[in-house]
């Protein structure tokens, strides 16, 4: 537990070592600076996603209930440490590609994915809600590999889609995901 001052208020934060796998990814990033080597990105596109205010809530609820999404990394003397940041609602960027060609969207997606992510004291994810032609909607997601892998991306997409339709149907209830901190502590014990 480390104490610090933020906005004039005294706060406490628990810092954790990176897991073995996170360390491998961290050092790979260090060996290839200013590249997207540690980036995982994808697009979720589906008919029926037309209410972007609901999609914004669905994304926020997913981030709120999954502490791995709120991992922040800091460095002390060149050594990375991680902590779980507090959640606060955020507005997800929105882009309308409904009147543009698929090529225009694919070029934008490639450009976004190739941009390196700043991993120090910054969110390790980026969402963009997208309106596509033919009443399709969805989102672009870009995460740093320190917080998600292919399996994690599947959980993310399914969780946000479930949130969307539950909010839309009035059946949503907060569901905390298993804590990433328990995984960190379990690895530390072994």
C-alpha atoms as a PDB file:
ATOM      1  CA  UNK A   1       0.000   0.000   0.000  1.00  0.00           C
ATOM      2  CA  UNK A   2       1.388   3.338  -0.990  1.00  0.00           C
ATOM      3  CA  UNK A   3       0.007   6.726   0.003  1.00  0.00           C
ATOM      4  CA  UNK A   4      -0.062   9.671  -2.362  1.00  0.00           C
ATOM      5  CA  UNK A   5      -1.859  12.959  -2.814  1.00  0.00           C
ATOM      6  CA  UNK A   6      -4.250  13.491  -5.718  1.00  0.00           C
ATOM      7  CA  UNK A   7      -6.252  16.676  -6.125  1.00  0.00           C
ATOM      8  CA  UNK A   8      -5.393  17.726  -2.578  1.00  0.00           C
ATOM      9  CA  UNK A   9      -6.747  14.478  -1.122  1.00  0.00           C
ATOM     10  CA  UNK A  10      -4.645  11.835   0.582  1.00  0.00           C
ATOM     11  CA  UNK A  11      -5.172   8.485  -1.158  1.00  0.00           C
ATOM     12  CA  UNK A  12      -3.880   4.950  -0.838  1.00  0.00           C
ATOM     13  CA  UNK A  13      -3.162   2.588  -3.675  1.00  0.00           C
ATOM     14  CA  UNK A  14      -1.944  -0.999  -3.743  1.00  0.00           C
ATOM     15  CA  UNK A  15       0.789  -1.742  -6.269  1.00  0.00           C
ATOM     16  CA  UNK A  16       1.515  -5.205  -7.634  1.00  0.00           C
ATOM     17  CA  UNK A  17       4.384  -6.703  -9.575  1.00  0.00           C
ATOM     18  CA  UNK A  18       3.564  -7.636 -13.137  1.00  0.00           C
ATOM     19  CA  UNK A  19       2.794 -11.314 -13.669  1.00  0.00           C
ATOM     20  CA  UNK A  20       5.376 -13.441 -15.497  1.00  0.00           C
ATOM     21  CA  UNK A  21       3.446 -13.145 -18.760  1.00  0.00           C
ATOM     22  CA  UNK A  22       2.901  -9.392 -18.329  1.00  0.00           C
ATOM     23  CA  UNK A  23       6.647  -8.953 -17.755  1.00  0.00           C
ATOM     24  CA  UNK A  24       7.411 -10.754 -21.028  1.00  0.00           C
ATOM     25  CA  UNK A  25       5.028  -8.428 -22.868  1.00  0.00           C
ATOM     26  CA  UNK A  26       6.414  -5.367 -21.061  1.00  0.00           C
ATOM     27  CA  UNK A  27       9.989  -6.154 -22.079  1.00  0.00           C
ATOM     28  CA  UNK A  28       8.958  -6.981 -25.648  1.00  0.00           C
ATOM     29  CA  UNK A  29       7.403  -3.507 -25.790  1.00  0.00           C
ATOM     30  CA  UNK A  30      10.625  -2.000 -24.420  1.00  0.00           C
ATOM     31  CA  UNK A  31      12.666  -3.797 -27.091  1.00  0.00           C
ATOM     32  CA  UNK A  32      10.368  -2.444 -29.832  1.00  0.00           C
ATOM     33  CA  UNK A  33       9.457   1.084 -28.689  1.00  0.00           C
ATOM     34  CA  UNK A  34       6.890   3.167 -30.558  1.00  0.00           C
ATOM     35  CA  UNK A  35       5.418   0.148 -32.318  1.00  0.00           C
ATOM     36  CA  UNK A  36       2.101  -1.628 -31.967  1.00  0.00           C
ATOM     37  CA  UNK A  37       3.737  -4.956 -31.116  1.00  0.00           C
ATOM     38  CA  UNK A  38       1.790  -5.199 -27.842  1.00  0.00           C
ATOM     39  CA  UNK A  39      -1.571  -4.214 -29.337  1.00  0.00           C
ATOM     40  CA  UNK A  40      -4.564  -6.483 -29.848  1.00  0.00           C
ATOM     41  CA  UNK A  41      -7.470  -4.980 -31.768  1.00  0.00           C
ATOM     42  CA  UNK A  42     -10.734  -6.015 -33.308  1.00  0.00           C
ATOM     43  CA  UNK A  43     -14.162  -4.920 -34.463  1.00  0.00           C
ATOM     44  CA  UNK A  44     -17.502  -6.170 -33.208  1.00  0.00           C
ATOM     45  CA  UNK A  45     -20.173  -5.521 -35.828  1.00  0.00           C
ATOM     46  CA  UNK A  46     -23.808  -6.575 -35.573  1.00  0.00           C
ATOM     47  CA  UNK A  47     -27.296  -5.820 -36.805  1.00  0.00           C
ATOM     48  CA  UNK A  48     -29.557  -4.435 -34.123  1.00  0.00           C
ATOM     49  CA  UNK A  49     -27.009  -2.271 -32.337  1.00  0.00           C
ATOM     50  CA  UNK A  50     -28.515   1.107 -33.102  1.00  0.00           C
ATOM     51  CA  UNK A  51     -28.725   2.849 -29.717  1.00  0.00           C
ATOM     52  CA  UNK A  52     -25.282   4.202 -29.107  1.00  0.00           C
ATOM     53  CA  UNK A  53     -26.174   5.669 -25.708  1.00  0.00           C
ATOM     54  CA  UNK A  54     -26.999   2.103 -24.623  1.00  0.00           C
ATOM     55  CA  UNK A  55     -23.756   0.798 -26.159  1.00  0.00           C
ATOM     56  CA  UNK A  56     -21.823   3.501 -24.278  1.00  0.00           C
ATOM     57  CA  UNK A  57     -23.401   2.276 -21.009  1.00  0.00           C
ATOM     58  CA  UNK A  58     -22.703  -1.369 -21.893  1.00  0.00           C
ATOM     59  CA  UNK A  59     -19.010  -0.598 -22.443  1.00  0.00           C
ATOM     60  CA  UNK A  60     -18.786   1.445 -19.236  1.00  0.00           C
ATOM     61  CA  UNK A  61     -20.442  -1.329 -17.209  1.00  0.00           C
ATOM     62  CA  UNK A  62     -17.996  -3.873 -18.617  1.00  0.00           C
ATOM     63  CA  UNK A  63     -14.976  -1.744 -17.659  1.00  0.00           C
ATOM     64  CA  UNK A  64     -16.478  -1.005 -14.228  1.00  0.00           C
ATOM     65  CA  UNK A  65     -17.046  -4.693 -13.431  1.00  0.00           C
ATOM     66  CA  UNK A  66     -13.744  -6.052 -14.808  1.00  0.00           C
ATOM     67  CA  UNK A  67     -10.782  -4.775 -12.826  1.00  0.00           C
ATOM     68  CA  UNK A  68      -8.305  -6.088 -15.420  1.00  0.00           C
ATOM     69  CA  UNK A  69      -9.613  -3.385 -17.771  1.00  0.00           C
ATOM     70  CA  UNK A  70      -8.676  -0.745 -15.197  1.00  0.00           C
ATOM     71  CA  UNK A  71      -5.065  -1.859 -14.758  1.00  0.00           C
ATOM     72  CA  UNK A  72      -2.664   1.046 -14.890  1.00  0.00           C
ATOM     73  CA  UNK A  73       1.087   0.690 -15.092  1.00  0.00           C
ATOM     74  CA  UNK A  74       3.625   2.945 -13.491  1.00  0.00           C
ATOM     75  CA  UNK A  75       7.404   2.750 -13.388  1.00  0.00           C
ATOM     76  CA  UNK A  76       9.719   3.287 -10.474  1.00  0.00           C
ATOM     77  CA  UNK A  77      13.423   3.257 -11.314  1.00  0.00           C
ATOM     78  CA  UNK A  78      12.660   1.400 -14.547  1.00  0.00           C
ATOM     79  CA  UNK A  79      10.655  -1.315 -12.790  1.00  0.00           C
ATOM     80  CA  UNK A  80       7.004  -1.616 -13.862  1.00  0.00           C
ATOM     81  CA  UNK A  81       4.281  -1.895 -11.238  1.00  0.00           C
ATOM     82  CA  UNK A  82       0.555  -2.167 -11.744  1.00  0.00           C
ATOM     83  CA  UNK A  83      -2.491  -1.057  -9.832  1.00  0.00           C
ATOM     84  CA  UNK A  84      -6.234  -1.080 -10.364  1.00  0.00           C
ATOM     85  CA  UNK A  85      -7.513   2.426 -11.033  1.00  0.00           C
ATOM     86  CA  UNK A  86     -10.823   3.651  -9.683  1.00  0.00           C
ATOM     87  CA  UNK A  87     -13.686   3.569 -12.145  1.00  0.00           C
ATOM     88  CA  UNK A  88     -15.341   6.690 -13.457  1.00  0.00           C
ATOM     89  CA  UNK A  89     -17.791   6.883 -16.346  1.00  0.00           C
ATOM     90  CA  UNK A  90     -16.298   7.903 -19.671  1.00  0.00           C
ATOM     91  CA  UNK A  91     -17.744   8.872 -23.032  1.00  0.00           C
ATOM     92  CA  UNK A  92     -16.833   6.454 -25.779  1.00  0.00           C
ATOM     93  CA  UNK A  93     -15.855   8.107 -29.047  1.00  0.00           C
ATOM     94  CA  UNK A  94     -18.426   7.694 -31.850  1.00  0.00           C
ATOM     95  CA  UNK A  95     -17.737   7.559 -35.603  1.00  0.00           C
ATOM     96  CA  UNK A  96     -20.307   7.296 -38.386  1.00  0.00           C
ATOM     97  CA  UNK A  97     -19.155   5.213 -41.368  1.00  0.00           C
ATOM     98  CA  UNK A  98     -22.710   4.566 -42.587  1.00  0.00           C
ATOM     99  CA  UNK A  99     -22.277   6.790 -45.645  1.00  0.00           C
ATOM    100  CA  UNK A 100     -18.712   5.712 -46.409  1.00  0.00           C
ATOM    101  CA  UNK A 101     -17.218   2.736 -48.192  1.00  0.00           C
ATOM    102  CA  UNK A 102     -15.959  -0.337 -46.369  1.00  0.00           C
ATOM    103  CA  UNK A 103     -12.483   0.551 -47.682  1.00  0.00           C
ATOM    104  CA  UNK A 104     -12.648   3.856 -45.809  1.00  0.00           C
ATOM    105  CA  UNK A 105     -13.456   2.040 -42.563  1.00  0.00           C
ATOM    106  CA  UNK A 106     -10.765  -0.609 -43.088  1.00  0.00           C
ATOM    107  CA  UNK A 107      -8.119   2.060 -43.729  1.00  0.00           C
ATOM    108  CA  UNK A 108      -9.158   3.863 -40.527  1.00  0.00           C
ATOM    109  CA  UNK A 109      -9.064   0.580 -38.576  1.00  0.00           C
ATOM    110  CA  UNK A 110      -5.568  -0.285 -39.840  1.00  0.00           C
ATOM    111  CA  UNK A 111      -4.256   3.179 -38.993  1.00  0.00           C
ATOM    112  CA  UNK A 112      -5.698   2.997 -35.453  1.00  0.00           C
ATOM    113  CA  UNK A 113      -4.315  -0.462 -34.818  1.00  0.00           C
ATOM    114  CA  UNK A 114      -0.809   0.482 -35.924  1.00  0.00           C
ATOM    115  CA  UNK A 115      -0.558   3.378 -33.455  1.00  0.00           C
ATOM    116  CA  UNK A 116       1.548   2.449 -30.423  1.00  0.00           C
ATOM    117  CA  UNK A 117      -0.106   2.701 -27.016  1.00  0.00           C
ATOM    118  CA  UNK A 118       1.372   4.759 -24.211  1.00  0.00           C
ATOM    119  CA  UNK A 119       1.355   2.311 -21.300  1.00  0.00           C
ATOM    120  CA  UNK A 120       2.493   4.548 -18.442  1.00  0.00           C
ATOM    121  CA  UNK A 121      -0.350   5.918 -16.296  1.00  0.00           C
ATOM    122  CA  UNK A 122      -2.787   5.657 -19.220  1.00  0.00           C
ATOM    123  CA  UNK A 123      -5.765   3.376 -19.864  1.00  0.00           C
ATOM    124  CA  UNK A 124      -4.645   0.226 -21.638  1.00  0.00           C
ATOM    125  CA  UNK A 125      -7.711   0.163 -23.879  1.00  0.00           C
ATOM    126  CA  UNK A 126      -9.462   2.286 -26.474  1.00  0.00           C
ATOM    127  CA  UNK A 127     -13.078   1.886 -27.567  1.00  0.00           C
ATOM    128  CA  UNK A 128     -14.729   3.599 -30.517  1.00  0.00           C
ATOM    129  CA  UNK A 129     -18.425   3.085 -31.266  1.00  0.00           C
ATOM    130  CA  UNK A 130     -19.066   2.702 -34.988  1.00  0.00           C
ATOM    131  CA  UNK A 131     -22.189   3.186 -37.079  1.00  0.00           C
ATOM    132  CA  UNK A 132     -21.991   1.066 -40.229  1.00  0.00           C
ATOM    133  CA  UNK A 133     -24.234   0.955 -43.330  1.00  0.00           C
ATOM    134  CA  UNK A 134     -27.405  -1.200 -43.354  1.00  0.00           C
ATOM    135  CA  UNK A 135     -28.415  -0.537 -39.729  1.00  0.00           C
ATOM    136  CA  UNK A 136     -25.327  -2.219 -38.359  1.00  0.00           C
ATOM    137  CA  UNK A 137     -23.530  -0.905 -35.336  1.00  0.00           C
ATOM    138  CA  UNK A 138     -20.710  -1.990 -33.140  1.00  0.00           C
ATOM    139  CA  UNK A 139     -17.376  -0.972 -31.769  1.00  0.00           C
ATOM    140  CA  UNK A 140     -13.666  -1.023 -32.389  1.00  0.00           C
ATOM    141  CA  UNK A 141     -11.599  -2.194 -29.440  1.00  0.00           C
ATOM    142  CA  UNK A 142      -7.866  -1.841 -28.992  1.00  0.00           C
ATOM    143  CA  UNK A 143      -6.200  -3.202 -25.865  1.00  0.00           C
ATOM    144  CA  UNK A 144      -2.663  -3.639 -24.736  1.00  0.00           C
ATOM    145  CA  UNK A 145      -1.669  -7.277 -24.431  1.00  0.00           C
ATOM    146  CA  UNK A 146      -0.767  -6.759 -20.754  1.00  0.00           C
ATOM    147  CA  UNK A 147      -4.508  -6.699 -19.925  1.00  0.00           C
ATOM    148  CA  UNK A 148      -6.016  -9.073 -22.498  1.00  0.00           C
ATOM    149  CA  UNK A 149      -5.298 -11.909 -24.865  1.00  0.00           C
ATOM    150  CA  UNK A 150      -7.483 -13.581 -27.532  1.00  0.00           C
ATOM    151  CA  UNK A 151      -9.564 -15.342 -24.877  1.00  0.00           C
ATOM    152  CA  UNK A 152      -9.934 -12.072 -22.974  1.00  0.00           C
ATOM    153  CA  UNK A 153     -11.127 -10.344 -26.156  1.00  0.00           C
ATOM    154  CA  UNK A 154     -13.835 -13.005 -26.545  1.00  0.00           C
ATOM    155  CA  UNK A 155     -14.959 -12.407 -22.959  1.00  0.00           C
ATOM    156  CA  UNK A 156     -14.941  -8.649 -23.607  1.00  0.00           C
ATOM    157  CA  UNK A 157     -17.056  -8.797 -26.777  1.00  0.00           C
ATOM    158  CA  UNK A 158     -19.537 -11.284 -25.297  1.00  0.00           C
ATOM    159  CA  UNK A 159     -19.798  -9.280 -22.063  1.00  0.00           C
ATOM    160  CA  UNK A 160     -20.456  -5.977 -23.811  1.00  0.00           C
ATOM    161  CA  UNK A 161     -23.004  -7.562 -26.184  1.00  0.00           C
ATOM    162  CA  UNK A 162     -24.782  -9.175 -23.220  1.00  0.00           C
ATOM    163  CA  UNK A 163     -24.763  -5.855 -21.334  1.00  0.00           C
ATOM    164  CA  UNK A 164     -26.196  -4.061 -24.384  1.00  0.00           C
ATOM    165  CA  UNK A 165     -29.131  -6.418 -24.834  1.00  0.00           C
ATOM    166  CA  UNK A 166     -29.832  -6.638 -21.092  1.00  0.00           C
ATOM    167  CA  UNK A 167     -29.873  -2.839 -20.774  1.00  0.00           C
ATOM    168  CA  UNK A 168     -32.101  -2.650 -23.850  1.00  0.00           C
ATOM    169  CA  UNK A 169     -34.498  -5.252 -22.386  1.00  0.00           C
ATOM    170  CA  UNK A 170     -34.453  -3.761 -18.867  1.00  0.00           C
ATOM    171  CA  UNK A 171     -32.894  -6.900 -17.340  1.00  0.00           C
ATOM    172  CA  UNK A 172     -29.366  -5.623 -16.654  1.00  0.00           C
ATOM    173  CA  UNK A 173     -27.891  -6.243 -13.217  1.00  0.00           C
ATOM    174  CA  UNK A 174     -24.267  -5.508 -12.218  1.00  0.00           C
ATOM    175  CA  UNK A 175     -22.112  -8.624 -12.386  1.00  0.00           C
ATOM    176  CA  UNK A 176     -18.578  -8.336 -11.045  1.00  0.00           C
ATOM    177  CA  UNK A 177     -16.119 -10.469 -12.990  1.00  0.00           C
ATOM    178  CA  UNK A 178     -13.501 -12.508 -11.123  1.00  0.00           C
ATOM    179  CA  UNK A 179     -10.798 -10.154  -9.892  1.00  0.00           C
ATOM    180  CA  UNK A 180      -7.495 -10.008 -11.729  1.00  0.00           C
ATOM    181  CA  UNK A 181      -5.878  -9.189  -8.391  1.00  0.00           C
ATOM    182  CA  UNK A 182      -6.664 -12.734  -7.185  1.00  0.00           C
ATOM    183  CA  UNK A 183      -4.756 -14.080 -10.198  1.00  0.00           C
ATOM    184  CA  UNK A 184      -1.783 -11.822  -9.400  1.00  0.00           C
ATOM    185  CA  UNK A 185      -1.778 -12.979  -5.782  1.00  0.00           C
ATOM    186  CA  UNK A 186      -2.161 -16.632  -6.747  1.00  0.00           C
ATOM    187  CA  UNK A 187       0.844 -16.393  -9.054  1.00  0.00           C
ATOM    188  CA  UNK A 188       2.851 -14.672  -6.316  1.00  0.00           C
ATOM    189  CA  UNK A 189       2.140 -17.608  -3.952  1.00  0.00           C
ATOM    190  CA  UNK A 190       3.355 -20.243  -6.428  1.00  0.00           C
END
